[in-house]
Amino acid sequence: DWREASDDERRLYYVGMTRAKETLLLCESATSTNPFTVGLASADIVRLPPPRDIARPAAMGWRYVSLGLADVDLGYAGRKAGGHAVHRALEGLGHDALLTALPTGQRVELVDPPHGVAVGALAKSVQLPAGQIEAIHVDTLIRRTRNQSNPQFAHLVKVDAWWVPLVTLTIAPNQ
C-alpha cells in the first residue's frame, strides 16, 4: 500500500530487497503499482500477471487457543496413584509434544499417543470455539502439589506432586 514515493518509503523498499538471500518475490496490488518497481530494469526480473482467482487456504480459518490454568483440570494426574502410567508419561513430555483429544462424556482428555495414556483433561467449564481439534501442542508443564489443591477435593489427591500440561489447541472450523 504505497501511498507516495517518499525517500523514507524508497529506503524501506531498498532495505527490504537487500535482505533477500536467494530469491526476492515482489507483489503488487492489481489496482495500483508500487512506484519503485517501475524503476527496476533487469534481465533477472520475471513479471507474472496477477491470478484471476485466489483460493483461500483452509488453514487461514484455523483458530489457535492457548489454555491457561482455569481451562484445564489441575488435579487430573494428582488423583492417580504414584505408580500410574500418567506420571511416567508426564515425565517424558516436553515443549511442543503432540497430544490427541479424546472426548469422554462431559470433557476432553489429553492423550499422549506414544504411551496411549491420558495425561490431562480440559476443565468442564472451558468454552472452545466451534470446530474440529486438528492438533494439540504442549506449551509447558506446571508442577502442582497436594498443598495447592482445593481443600474440598484434597481427599481425592493420591500423590504429593504431579505435572499439569498447558497446551495450545489448533481448531479447524466446521465445514
N, C-alpha and C. Protein backbone atom coordinates (compact mmCIF):
# COMPACT_ATOMS: atom_id res chain seq x y z
N ASP A 1 0.85 -1.18 0.00
CA ASP A 1 0.00 0.00 0.00
C ASP A 1 0.89 1.23 0.00
N TRP A 2 1.52 1.49 -1.10
CA TRP A 2 2.43 2.63 -1.21
C TRP A 2 1.61 3.85 -1.57
N ARG A 3 1.55 4.79 -0.70
CA ARG A 3 0.72 5.98 -0.94
C ARG A 3 1.52 7.09 -1.64
N GLU A 4 2.81 7.10 -1.41
CA GLU A 4 3.64 8.15 -2.00
C GLU A 4 5.03 7.58 -2.26
N ALA A 5 5.78 8.25 -3.08
CA ALA A 5 7.13 7.79 -3.39
C ALA A 5 8.14 8.61 -2.60
N SER A 6 7.98 8.63 -1.27
CA SER A 6 8.87 9.43 -0.42
C SER A 6 10.23 8.75 -0.27
N ASP A 7 11.21 9.53 0.17
CA ASP A 7 12.55 8.98 0.41
C ASP A 7 12.51 7.90 1.49
N ASP A 8 11.70 8.08 2.52
CA ASP A 8 11.60 7.07 3.59
C ASP A 8 11.06 5.74 3.05
N GLU A 9 10.02 5.82 2.22
CA GLU A 9 9.46 4.59 1.65
C GLU A 9 10.46 3.93 0.68
N ARG A 10 11.19 4.74 -0.08
CA ARG A 10 12.18 4.19 -1.00
C ARG A 10 13.29 3.47 -0.22
N ARG A 11 13.75 4.06 0.88
CA ARG A 11 14.78 3.41 1.70
C ARG A 11 14.25 2.11 2.31
N LEU A 12 13.02 2.12 2.80
CA LEU A 12 12.41 0.91 3.35
C LEU A 12 12.33 -0.18 2.29
N TYR A 13 11.94 0.19 1.09
CA TYR A 13 11.85 -0.75 -0.03
C TYR A 13 13.23 -1.34 -0.33
N TYR A 14 14.24 -0.48 -0.38
CA TYR A 14 15.61 -0.93 -0.66
C TYR A 14 16.11 -1.88 0.43
N VAL A 15 15.93 -1.52 1.69
CA VAL A 15 16.38 -2.37 2.80
C VAL A 15 15.69 -3.72 2.74
N GLY A 16 14.39 -3.72 2.47
CA GLY A 16 13.67 -4.99 2.36
C GLY A 16 14.21 -5.86 1.24
N MET A 17 14.52 -5.24 0.10
CA MET A 17 15.04 -6.01 -1.04
C MET A 17 16.43 -6.57 -0.77
N THR A 18 17.25 -5.82 -0.08
CA THR A 18 18.64 -6.27 0.14
C THR A 18 18.74 -7.37 1.18
N ARG A 19 17.65 -7.70 1.85
CA ARG A 19 17.67 -8.78 2.84
C ARG A 19 17.45 -10.16 2.21
N ALA A 20 17.06 -10.20 0.94
CA ALA A 20 16.81 -11.48 0.26
C ALA A 20 18.12 -12.25 0.13
N LYS A 21 18.08 -13.55 0.46
CA LYS A 21 19.28 -14.39 0.38
C LYS A 21 19.43 -15.03 -1.00
N GLU A 22 18.33 -15.58 -1.54
CA GLU A 22 18.40 -16.27 -2.82
C GLU A 22 17.37 -15.76 -3.81
N THR A 23 16.14 -15.62 -3.34
CA THR A 23 15.05 -15.23 -4.23
C THR A 23 14.29 -14.08 -3.59
N LEU A 24 13.91 -13.12 -4.40
CA LEU A 24 13.11 -11.99 -3.94
C LEU A 24 11.81 -12.01 -4.72
N LEU A 25 10.70 -12.02 -4.01
CA LEU A 25 9.39 -12.01 -4.64
C LEU A 25 8.73 -10.69 -4.26
N LEU A 26 8.44 -9.88 -5.26
CA LEU A 26 7.77 -8.60 -5.06
C LEU A 26 6.33 -8.73 -5.54
N CYS A 27 5.42 -8.28 -4.74
CA CYS A 27 4.00 -8.37 -5.09
C CYS A 27 3.42 -6.97 -5.16
N GLU A 28 2.47 -6.79 -6.05
CA GLU A 28 1.79 -5.52 -6.18
C GLU A 28 0.29 -5.76 -6.19
N SER A 29 -0.43 -4.74 -5.88
CA SER A 29 -1.87 -4.78 -5.97
C SER A 29 -2.28 -4.81 -7.43
N ALA A 30 -3.37 -5.44 -7.75
CA ALA A 30 -3.83 -5.47 -9.13
C ALA A 30 -4.37 -4.11 -9.56
N THR A 31 -4.70 -3.26 -8.59
CA THR A 31 -5.29 -1.96 -8.92
C THR A 31 -4.31 -0.80 -8.84
N SER A 32 -3.17 -0.98 -8.15
CA SER A 32 -2.18 0.09 -8.10
C SER A 32 -0.79 -0.52 -8.01
N THR A 33 0.15 0.12 -8.68
CA THR A 33 1.50 -0.41 -8.70
C THR A 33 2.37 0.31 -7.68
N ASN A 34 3.47 -0.30 -7.37
CA ASN A 34 4.44 0.29 -6.47
C ASN A 34 5.27 1.28 -7.27
N PRO A 35 5.45 2.50 -6.80
CA PRO A 35 6.19 3.49 -7.59
C PRO A 35 7.66 3.13 -7.79
N PHE A 36 8.21 2.25 -6.97
CA PHE A 36 9.62 1.91 -7.09
C PHE A 36 9.86 0.72 -8.01
N THR A 37 8.87 -0.12 -8.23
CA THR A 37 9.03 -1.29 -9.08
C THR A 37 9.29 -0.88 -10.53
N VAL A 38 8.70 0.22 -10.95
CA VAL A 38 8.85 0.70 -12.32
C VAL A 38 10.33 0.95 -12.63
N GLY A 39 11.09 1.42 -11.63
CA GLY A 39 12.49 1.73 -11.84
C GLY A 39 13.41 0.52 -11.88
N LEU A 40 12.88 -0.65 -11.63
CA LEU A 40 13.69 -1.86 -11.65
C LEU A 40 13.73 -2.41 -13.07
N ALA A 41 14.88 -2.42 -13.67
CA ALA A 41 15.02 -2.97 -15.01
C ALA A 41 16.19 -3.95 -14.98
N SER A 42 15.87 -5.22 -15.11
CA SER A 42 16.91 -6.24 -15.07
C SER A 42 16.44 -7.45 -15.84
N ALA A 43 17.38 -8.16 -16.41
CA ALA A 43 17.05 -9.39 -17.14
C ALA A 43 16.60 -10.48 -16.17
N ASP A 44 16.92 -10.33 -14.89
CA ASP A 44 16.59 -11.34 -13.90
C ASP A 44 15.17 -11.19 -13.34
N ILE A 45 14.45 -10.19 -13.77
CA ILE A 45 13.10 -9.97 -13.25
C ILE A 45 12.09 -10.65 -14.16
N VAL A 46 11.23 -11.44 -13.55
CA VAL A 46 10.15 -12.09 -14.28
C VAL A 46 8.85 -11.50 -13.76
N ARG A 47 8.08 -10.92 -14.68
CA ARG A 47 6.80 -10.33 -14.28
C ARG A 47 5.69 -11.29 -14.68
N LEU A 48 4.84 -11.63 -13.71
CA LEU A 48 3.73 -12.53 -13.95
C LEU A 48 2.42 -11.76 -13.81
N PRO A 49 1.43 -12.09 -14.63
CA PRO A 49 0.14 -11.43 -14.45
C PRO A 49 -0.50 -11.91 -13.14
N PRO A 50 -1.31 -11.06 -12.53
CA PRO A 50 -1.96 -11.49 -11.29
C PRO A 50 -2.94 -12.64 -11.55
N PRO A 51 -3.06 -13.56 -10.63
CA PRO A 51 -4.00 -14.66 -10.81
C PRO A 51 -5.44 -14.13 -10.78
N ARG A 52 -6.28 -14.78 -11.52
CA ARG A 52 -7.68 -14.35 -11.57
C ARG A 52 -8.43 -14.76 -10.31
N ASP A 53 -8.17 -15.97 -9.86
CA ASP A 53 -8.85 -16.50 -8.68
C ASP A 53 -7.82 -16.95 -7.67
N ILE A 54 -7.91 -16.44 -6.49
CA ILE A 54 -7.01 -16.88 -5.42
C ILE A 54 -7.85 -17.61 -4.39
N ALA A 55 -7.58 -18.89 -4.25
CA ALA A 55 -8.33 -19.69 -3.27
C ALA A 55 -7.75 -19.43 -1.88
N ARG A 56 -8.61 -19.27 -0.92
CA ARG A 56 -8.17 -19.07 0.46
C ARG A 56 -7.81 -20.42 1.04
N PRO A 57 -6.55 -20.61 1.49
CA PRO A 57 -6.17 -21.89 2.09
C PRO A 57 -7.04 -22.19 3.33
N ALA A 58 -7.40 -23.44 3.50
CA ALA A 58 -8.25 -23.84 4.61
C ALA A 58 -7.65 -23.43 5.96
N ALA A 59 -6.32 -23.51 6.06
CA ALA A 59 -5.66 -23.20 7.34
C ALA A 59 -5.84 -21.74 7.75
N MET A 60 -6.26 -20.88 6.83
CA MET A 60 -6.46 -19.47 7.18
C MET A 60 -7.60 -19.31 8.18
N GLY A 61 -8.51 -20.24 8.23
CA GLY A 61 -9.64 -20.15 9.16
C GLY A 61 -9.39 -20.85 10.48
N TRP A 62 -8.23 -21.46 10.64
CA TRP A 62 -7.94 -22.17 11.89
C TRP A 62 -7.80 -21.19 13.04
N ARG A 63 -8.16 -21.66 14.23
CA ARG A 63 -8.01 -20.88 15.46
C ARG A 63 -6.96 -21.56 16.33
N TYR A 64 -6.19 -20.78 17.04
CA TYR A 64 -5.17 -21.28 17.95
C TYR A 64 -5.54 -20.80 19.34
N VAL A 65 -5.84 -21.75 20.22
CA VAL A 65 -6.32 -21.42 21.56
C VAL A 65 -5.31 -21.94 22.58
N SER A 66 -4.65 -21.01 23.27
CA SER A 66 -3.71 -21.39 24.32
C SER A 66 -4.47 -21.45 25.64
N LEU A 67 -4.42 -22.60 26.28
CA LEU A 67 -5.18 -22.80 27.51
C LEU A 67 -4.38 -22.34 28.72
N GLY A 68 -5.07 -21.80 29.69
CA GLY A 68 -4.47 -21.37 30.95
C GLY A 68 -4.90 -22.29 32.08
N LEU A 69 -4.54 -21.91 33.29
CA LEU A 69 -4.84 -22.74 34.46
C LEU A 69 -6.33 -22.99 34.65
N ALA A 70 -7.16 -22.00 34.35
CA ALA A 70 -8.60 -22.16 34.54
C ALA A 70 -9.23 -23.09 33.49
N ASP A 71 -8.48 -23.39 32.42
CA ASP A 71 -9.03 -24.16 31.31
C ASP A 71 -8.74 -25.66 31.40
N VAL A 72 -7.90 -26.07 32.36
CA VAL A 72 -7.54 -27.48 32.48
C VAL A 72 -7.89 -28.00 33.87
N ASP A 73 -8.04 -29.30 33.97
CA ASP A 73 -8.28 -29.96 35.25
C ASP A 73 -6.94 -30.06 35.97
N LEU A 74 -6.71 -29.19 36.94
CA LEU A 74 -5.42 -29.12 37.61
C LEU A 74 -5.11 -30.35 38.45
N GLY A 75 -6.12 -31.08 38.88
CA GLY A 75 -5.90 -32.23 39.73
C GLY A 75 -5.95 -33.57 39.01
N TYR A 76 -6.02 -33.55 37.68
CA TYR A 76 -6.20 -34.79 36.93
C TYR A 76 -5.18 -35.86 37.31
N ALA A 77 -3.90 -35.57 37.15
CA ALA A 77 -2.87 -36.57 37.46
C ALA A 77 -2.71 -36.76 38.96
N GLY A 78 -3.04 -35.75 39.74
CA GLY A 78 -2.94 -35.87 41.20
C GLY A 78 -3.90 -36.89 41.78
N ARG A 79 -4.96 -37.18 41.06
CA ARG A 79 -5.93 -38.17 41.54
C ARG A 79 -5.55 -39.60 41.14
N LYS A 80 -4.40 -39.76 40.49
CA LYS A 80 -3.91 -41.09 40.09
C LYS A 80 -2.81 -41.50 41.05
N ALA A 81 -2.74 -42.78 41.39
CA ALA A 81 -1.72 -43.30 42.31
C ALA A 81 -0.32 -43.07 41.76
N GLY A 82 0.67 -43.06 42.63
CA GLY A 82 2.05 -42.79 42.27
C GLY A 82 2.60 -43.67 41.16
N GLY A 83 2.21 -44.92 41.08
CA GLY A 83 2.73 -45.83 40.07
C GLY A 83 1.96 -45.81 38.77
N HIS A 84 0.95 -44.96 38.65
CA HIS A 84 0.10 -44.92 37.46
C HIS A 84 0.90 -44.44 36.24
N ALA A 85 0.55 -44.95 35.07
CA ALA A 85 1.25 -44.62 33.81
C ALA A 85 1.19 -43.14 33.48
N VAL A 86 0.20 -42.42 33.99
CA VAL A 86 0.10 -41.00 33.69
C VAL A 86 1.34 -40.25 34.16
N HIS A 87 1.89 -40.63 35.31
CA HIS A 87 3.06 -39.93 35.85
C HIS A 87 4.31 -40.18 35.00
N ARG A 88 4.48 -41.40 34.51
CA ARG A 88 5.62 -41.70 33.62
C ARG A 88 5.48 -40.95 32.30
N ALA A 89 4.27 -40.92 31.77
CA ALA A 89 4.03 -40.21 30.51
C ALA A 89 4.29 -38.71 30.67
N LEU A 90 3.85 -38.13 31.77
CA LEU A 90 4.07 -36.70 32.00
C LEU A 90 5.55 -36.38 32.17
N GLU A 91 6.29 -37.27 32.80
CA GLU A 91 7.74 -37.05 32.97
C GLU A 91 8.44 -37.02 31.60
N GLY A 92 7.90 -37.73 30.62
CA GLY A 92 8.53 -37.79 29.31
C GLY A 92 8.08 -36.69 28.35
N LEU A 93 7.06 -35.91 28.74
CA LEU A 93 6.58 -34.86 27.85
C LEU A 93 7.53 -33.67 27.84
N GLY A 94 7.66 -33.05 26.70
CA GLY A 94 8.46 -31.84 26.59
C GLY A 94 7.70 -30.78 25.84
N HIS A 95 8.30 -29.61 25.73
CA HIS A 95 7.71 -28.50 25.00
C HIS A 95 7.43 -28.93 23.56
N ASP A 96 6.26 -28.60 23.07
CA ASP A 96 5.81 -28.85 21.71
C ASP A 96 5.47 -30.32 21.42
N ALA A 97 5.43 -31.15 22.46
CA ALA A 97 4.99 -32.53 22.26
C ALA A 97 3.56 -32.51 21.74
N LEU A 98 3.24 -33.47 20.89
CA LEU A 98 1.89 -33.56 20.33
C LEU A 98 1.02 -34.48 21.17
N LEU A 99 -0.17 -34.02 21.47
CA LEU A 99 -1.16 -34.82 22.17
C LEU A 99 -2.37 -34.96 21.25
N THR A 100 -3.26 -35.86 21.61
CA THR A 100 -4.51 -36.01 20.87
C THR A 100 -5.67 -35.80 21.82
N ALA A 101 -6.83 -35.50 21.26
CA ALA A 101 -8.04 -35.25 22.05
C ALA A 101 -8.89 -36.51 22.09
N LEU A 102 -9.39 -36.82 23.28
CA LEU A 102 -10.30 -37.95 23.46
C LEU A 102 -11.53 -37.46 24.20
N PRO A 103 -12.62 -37.17 23.46
CA PRO A 103 -13.85 -36.74 24.14
C PRO A 103 -14.41 -37.89 24.98
N THR A 104 -14.71 -37.60 26.24
CA THR A 104 -15.26 -38.62 27.15
C THR A 104 -16.43 -38.01 27.91
N GLY A 105 -17.60 -38.10 27.35
CA GLY A 105 -18.77 -37.56 28.04
C GLY A 105 -18.75 -36.05 28.12
N GLN A 106 -18.56 -35.52 29.33
CA GLN A 106 -18.64 -34.08 29.54
C GLN A 106 -17.32 -33.34 29.32
N ARG A 107 -16.25 -34.06 29.05
CA ARG A 107 -14.95 -33.39 28.96
C ARG A 107 -14.11 -33.95 27.83
N VAL A 108 -12.96 -33.33 27.62
CA VAL A 108 -12.00 -33.79 26.63
C VAL A 108 -10.71 -34.13 27.37
N GLU A 109 -10.24 -35.36 27.19
CA GLU A 109 -8.97 -35.77 27.79
C GLU A 109 -7.85 -35.54 26.79
N LEU A 110 -6.66 -35.26 27.31
CA LEU A 110 -5.46 -35.05 26.50
C LEU A 110 -4.62 -36.30 26.58
N VAL A 111 -4.43 -36.96 25.44
CA VAL A 111 -3.77 -38.26 25.40
C VAL A 111 -2.38 -38.12 24.78
N ASP A 112 -1.40 -38.77 25.42
CA ASP A 112 -0.04 -38.85 24.91
C ASP A 112 0.02 -40.08 24.00
N PRO A 113 0.05 -39.89 22.66
CA PRO A 113 -0.02 -41.04 21.75
C PRO A 113 1.04 -42.12 21.96
N PRO A 114 2.32 -41.76 22.21
CA PRO A 114 3.29 -42.85 22.36
C PRO A 114 2.97 -43.80 23.52
N HIS A 115 2.39 -43.25 24.59
CA HIS A 115 2.07 -44.08 25.75
C HIS A 115 0.61 -44.54 25.76
N GLY A 116 -0.22 -43.89 24.94
CA GLY A 116 -1.63 -44.24 24.89
C GLY A 116 -2.36 -43.97 26.19
N VAL A 117 -1.88 -43.00 26.94
CA VAL A 117 -2.48 -42.70 28.24
C VAL A 117 -2.89 -41.23 28.29
N ALA A 118 -4.02 -40.96 28.91
CA ALA A 118 -4.47 -39.58 29.10
C ALA A 118 -3.58 -38.93 30.15
N VAL A 119 -3.02 -37.75 29.82
CA VAL A 119 -2.11 -37.06 30.73
C VAL A 119 -2.75 -35.82 31.34
N GLY A 120 -3.97 -35.53 30.94
CA GLY A 120 -4.67 -34.38 31.48
C GLY A 120 -6.05 -34.30 30.87
N ALA A 121 -6.79 -33.28 31.26
CA ALA A 121 -8.13 -33.09 30.74
C ALA A 121 -8.48 -31.61 30.76
N LEU A 122 -9.35 -31.23 29.85
CA LEU A 122 -9.84 -29.86 29.86
C LEU A 122 -10.84 -29.71 31.00
N ALA A 123 -10.92 -28.53 31.55
CA ALA A 123 -11.91 -28.25 32.58
C ALA A 123 -13.30 -28.39 31.97
N LYS A 124 -14.25 -28.83 32.76
CA LYS A 124 -15.61 -28.99 32.24
C LYS A 124 -16.19 -27.66 31.80
N SER A 125 -15.73 -26.57 32.38
CA SER A 125 -16.28 -25.24 32.08
C SER A 125 -15.63 -24.56 30.89
N VAL A 126 -14.58 -25.13 30.31
CA VAL A 126 -13.88 -24.45 29.22
C VAL A 126 -14.79 -24.34 28.00
N GLN A 127 -14.75 -23.18 27.36
CA GLN A 127 -15.54 -22.92 26.16
C GLN A 127 -14.59 -22.81 24.97
N LEU A 128 -14.62 -23.78 24.09
CA LEU A 128 -13.76 -23.77 22.91
C LEU A 128 -14.55 -23.26 21.71
N PRO A 129 -13.88 -22.64 20.74
CA PRO A 129 -14.57 -22.25 19.51
C PRO A 129 -15.11 -23.48 18.79
N ALA A 130 -16.17 -23.30 18.05
CA ALA A 130 -16.73 -24.41 17.28
C ALA A 130 -15.70 -24.88 16.26
N GLY A 131 -15.67 -26.17 16.04
CA GLY A 131 -14.77 -26.72 15.04
C GLY A 131 -14.15 -28.03 15.49
N GLN A 132 -13.25 -28.52 14.67
CA GLN A 132 -12.57 -29.80 14.87
C GLN A 132 -11.16 -29.54 15.41
N ILE A 133 -10.78 -30.21 16.50
CA ILE A 133 -9.42 -30.08 17.02
C ILE A 133 -8.47 -30.80 16.06
N GLU A 134 -7.56 -30.04 15.45
CA GLU A 134 -6.61 -30.58 14.48
C GLU A 134 -5.31 -31.01 15.14
N ALA A 135 -4.89 -30.27 16.16
CA ALA A 135 -3.61 -30.57 16.82
C ALA A 135 -3.64 -30.01 18.24
N ILE A 136 -2.85 -30.65 19.10
CA ILE A 136 -2.67 -30.18 20.47
C ILE A 136 -1.17 -30.20 20.75
N HIS A 137 -0.60 -29.03 21.04
CA HIS A 137 0.83 -28.91 21.33
C HIS A 137 1.02 -28.52 22.78
N VAL A 138 1.95 -29.18 23.45
CA VAL A 138 2.28 -28.83 24.83
C VAL A 138 3.09 -27.54 24.83
N ASP A 139 2.61 -26.54 25.55
CA ASP A 139 3.35 -25.28 25.71
C ASP A 139 4.31 -25.38 26.89
N THR A 140 3.81 -25.89 27.99
CA THR A 140 4.63 -26.02 29.19
C THR A 140 3.97 -27.00 30.14
N LEU A 141 4.73 -27.42 31.12
CA LEU A 141 4.22 -28.26 32.19
C LEU A 141 4.39 -27.48 33.49
N ILE A 142 3.35 -27.47 34.31
CA ILE A 142 3.47 -26.83 35.61
C ILE A 142 3.40 -27.90 36.69
N ARG A 143 4.09 -27.65 37.78
CA ARG A 143 4.12 -28.59 38.90
C ARG A 143 3.07 -28.18 39.92
N ARG A 144 2.22 -29.12 40.27
CA ARG A 144 1.21 -28.90 41.30
C ARG A 144 1.54 -29.77 42.50
N THR A 145 1.12 -29.34 43.67
CA THR A 145 1.36 -30.12 44.89
C THR A 145 0.06 -30.30 45.65
N ARG A 146 0.10 -31.23 46.54
CA ARG A 146 -1.05 -31.53 47.40
C ARG A 146 -1.50 -30.25 48.12
N ASN A 147 -0.56 -29.43 48.58
CA ASN A 147 -0.87 -28.20 49.32
C ASN A 147 -1.62 -27.18 48.46
N GLN A 148 -1.46 -27.26 47.14
CA GLN A 148 -2.14 -26.32 46.25
C GLN A 148 -3.55 -26.77 45.89
N SER A 149 -3.92 -27.95 46.30
CA SER A 149 -5.23 -28.50 45.95
C SER A 149 -6.34 -27.78 46.70
N ASN A 150 -7.47 -27.72 46.04
CA ASN A 150 -8.67 -27.18 46.68
C ASN A 150 -9.01 -28.06 47.87
N PRO A 151 -9.15 -27.50 49.09
CA PRO A 151 -9.44 -28.32 50.28
C PRO A 151 -10.67 -29.21 50.12
N GLN A 152 -11.60 -28.77 49.31
CA GLN A 152 -12.83 -29.54 49.07
C GLN A 152 -12.52 -30.88 48.38
N PHE A 153 -11.42 -30.91 47.59
CA PHE A 153 -11.09 -32.12 46.85
C PHE A 153 -9.79 -32.77 47.33
N ALA A 154 -9.23 -32.29 48.42
CA ALA A 154 -7.93 -32.78 48.91
C ALA A 154 -7.97 -34.28 49.21
N HIS A 155 -9.09 -34.80 49.61
CA HIS A 155 -9.19 -36.23 49.93
C HIS A 155 -9.04 -37.12 48.69
N LEU A 156 -9.17 -36.54 47.48
CA LEU A 156 -9.02 -37.32 46.24
C LEU A 156 -7.58 -37.40 45.76
N VAL A 157 -6.70 -36.53 46.26
CA VAL A 157 -5.31 -36.47 45.82
C VAL A 157 -4.54 -37.67 46.37
N LYS A 158 -3.81 -38.37 45.48
CA LYS A 158 -3.11 -39.59 45.87
C LYS A 158 -1.58 -39.47 45.81
N VAL A 159 -1.06 -38.33 45.36
CA VAL A 159 0.39 -38.12 45.30
C VAL A 159 0.71 -36.74 45.88
N ASP A 160 1.97 -36.55 46.25
CA ASP A 160 2.36 -35.26 46.83
C ASP A 160 2.54 -34.18 45.77
N ALA A 161 2.97 -34.56 44.55
CA ALA A 161 3.21 -33.59 43.47
C ALA A 161 2.97 -34.27 42.12
N TRP A 162 2.59 -33.48 41.13
CA TRP A 162 2.34 -34.00 39.79
C TRP A 162 2.47 -32.86 38.78
N TRP A 163 2.57 -33.22 37.49
CA TRP A 163 2.68 -32.26 36.40
C TRP A 163 1.31 -32.04 35.75
N VAL A 164 1.09 -30.83 35.29
CA VAL A 164 -0.13 -30.46 34.55
C VAL A 164 0.30 -29.85 33.22
N PRO A 165 -0.10 -30.43 32.10
CA PRO A 165 0.25 -29.83 30.80
C PRO A 165 -0.66 -28.66 30.45
N LEU A 166 -0.04 -27.56 30.03
CA LEU A 166 -0.79 -26.44 29.44
C LEU A 166 -0.51 -26.50 27.95
N VAL A 167 -1.55 -26.40 27.15
CA VAL A 167 -1.44 -26.69 25.72
C VAL A 167 -2.04 -25.58 24.86
N THR A 168 -1.70 -25.64 23.57
CA THR A 168 -2.36 -24.83 22.56
C THR A 168 -3.09 -25.78 21.63
N LEU A 169 -4.37 -25.50 21.43
CA LEU A 169 -5.21 -26.29 20.53
C LEU A 169 -5.30 -25.58 19.18
N THR A 170 -5.16 -26.35 18.11
CA THR A 170 -5.39 -25.85 16.76
C THR A 170 -6.76 -26.37 16.35
N ILE A 171 -7.66 -25.44 16.05
CA ILE A 171 -9.05 -25.82 15.78
C ILE A 171 -9.44 -25.36 14.37
N ALA A 172 -9.83 -26.32 13.54
CA ALA A 172 -10.30 -26.02 12.19
C ALA A 172 -11.81 -25.77 12.25
N PRO A 173 -12.29 -24.79 11.49
CA PRO A 173 -13.74 -24.52 11.53
C PRO A 173 -14.52 -25.68 10.94
N ASN A 174 -15.75 -25.81 11.39
CA ASN A 174 -16.64 -26.84 10.82
C ASN A 174 -16.92 -26.48 9.37
N GLN A 175 -16.94 -27.48 8.52
CA GLN A 175 -17.18 -27.24 7.09
C GLN A 175 -18.65 -27.27 6.78
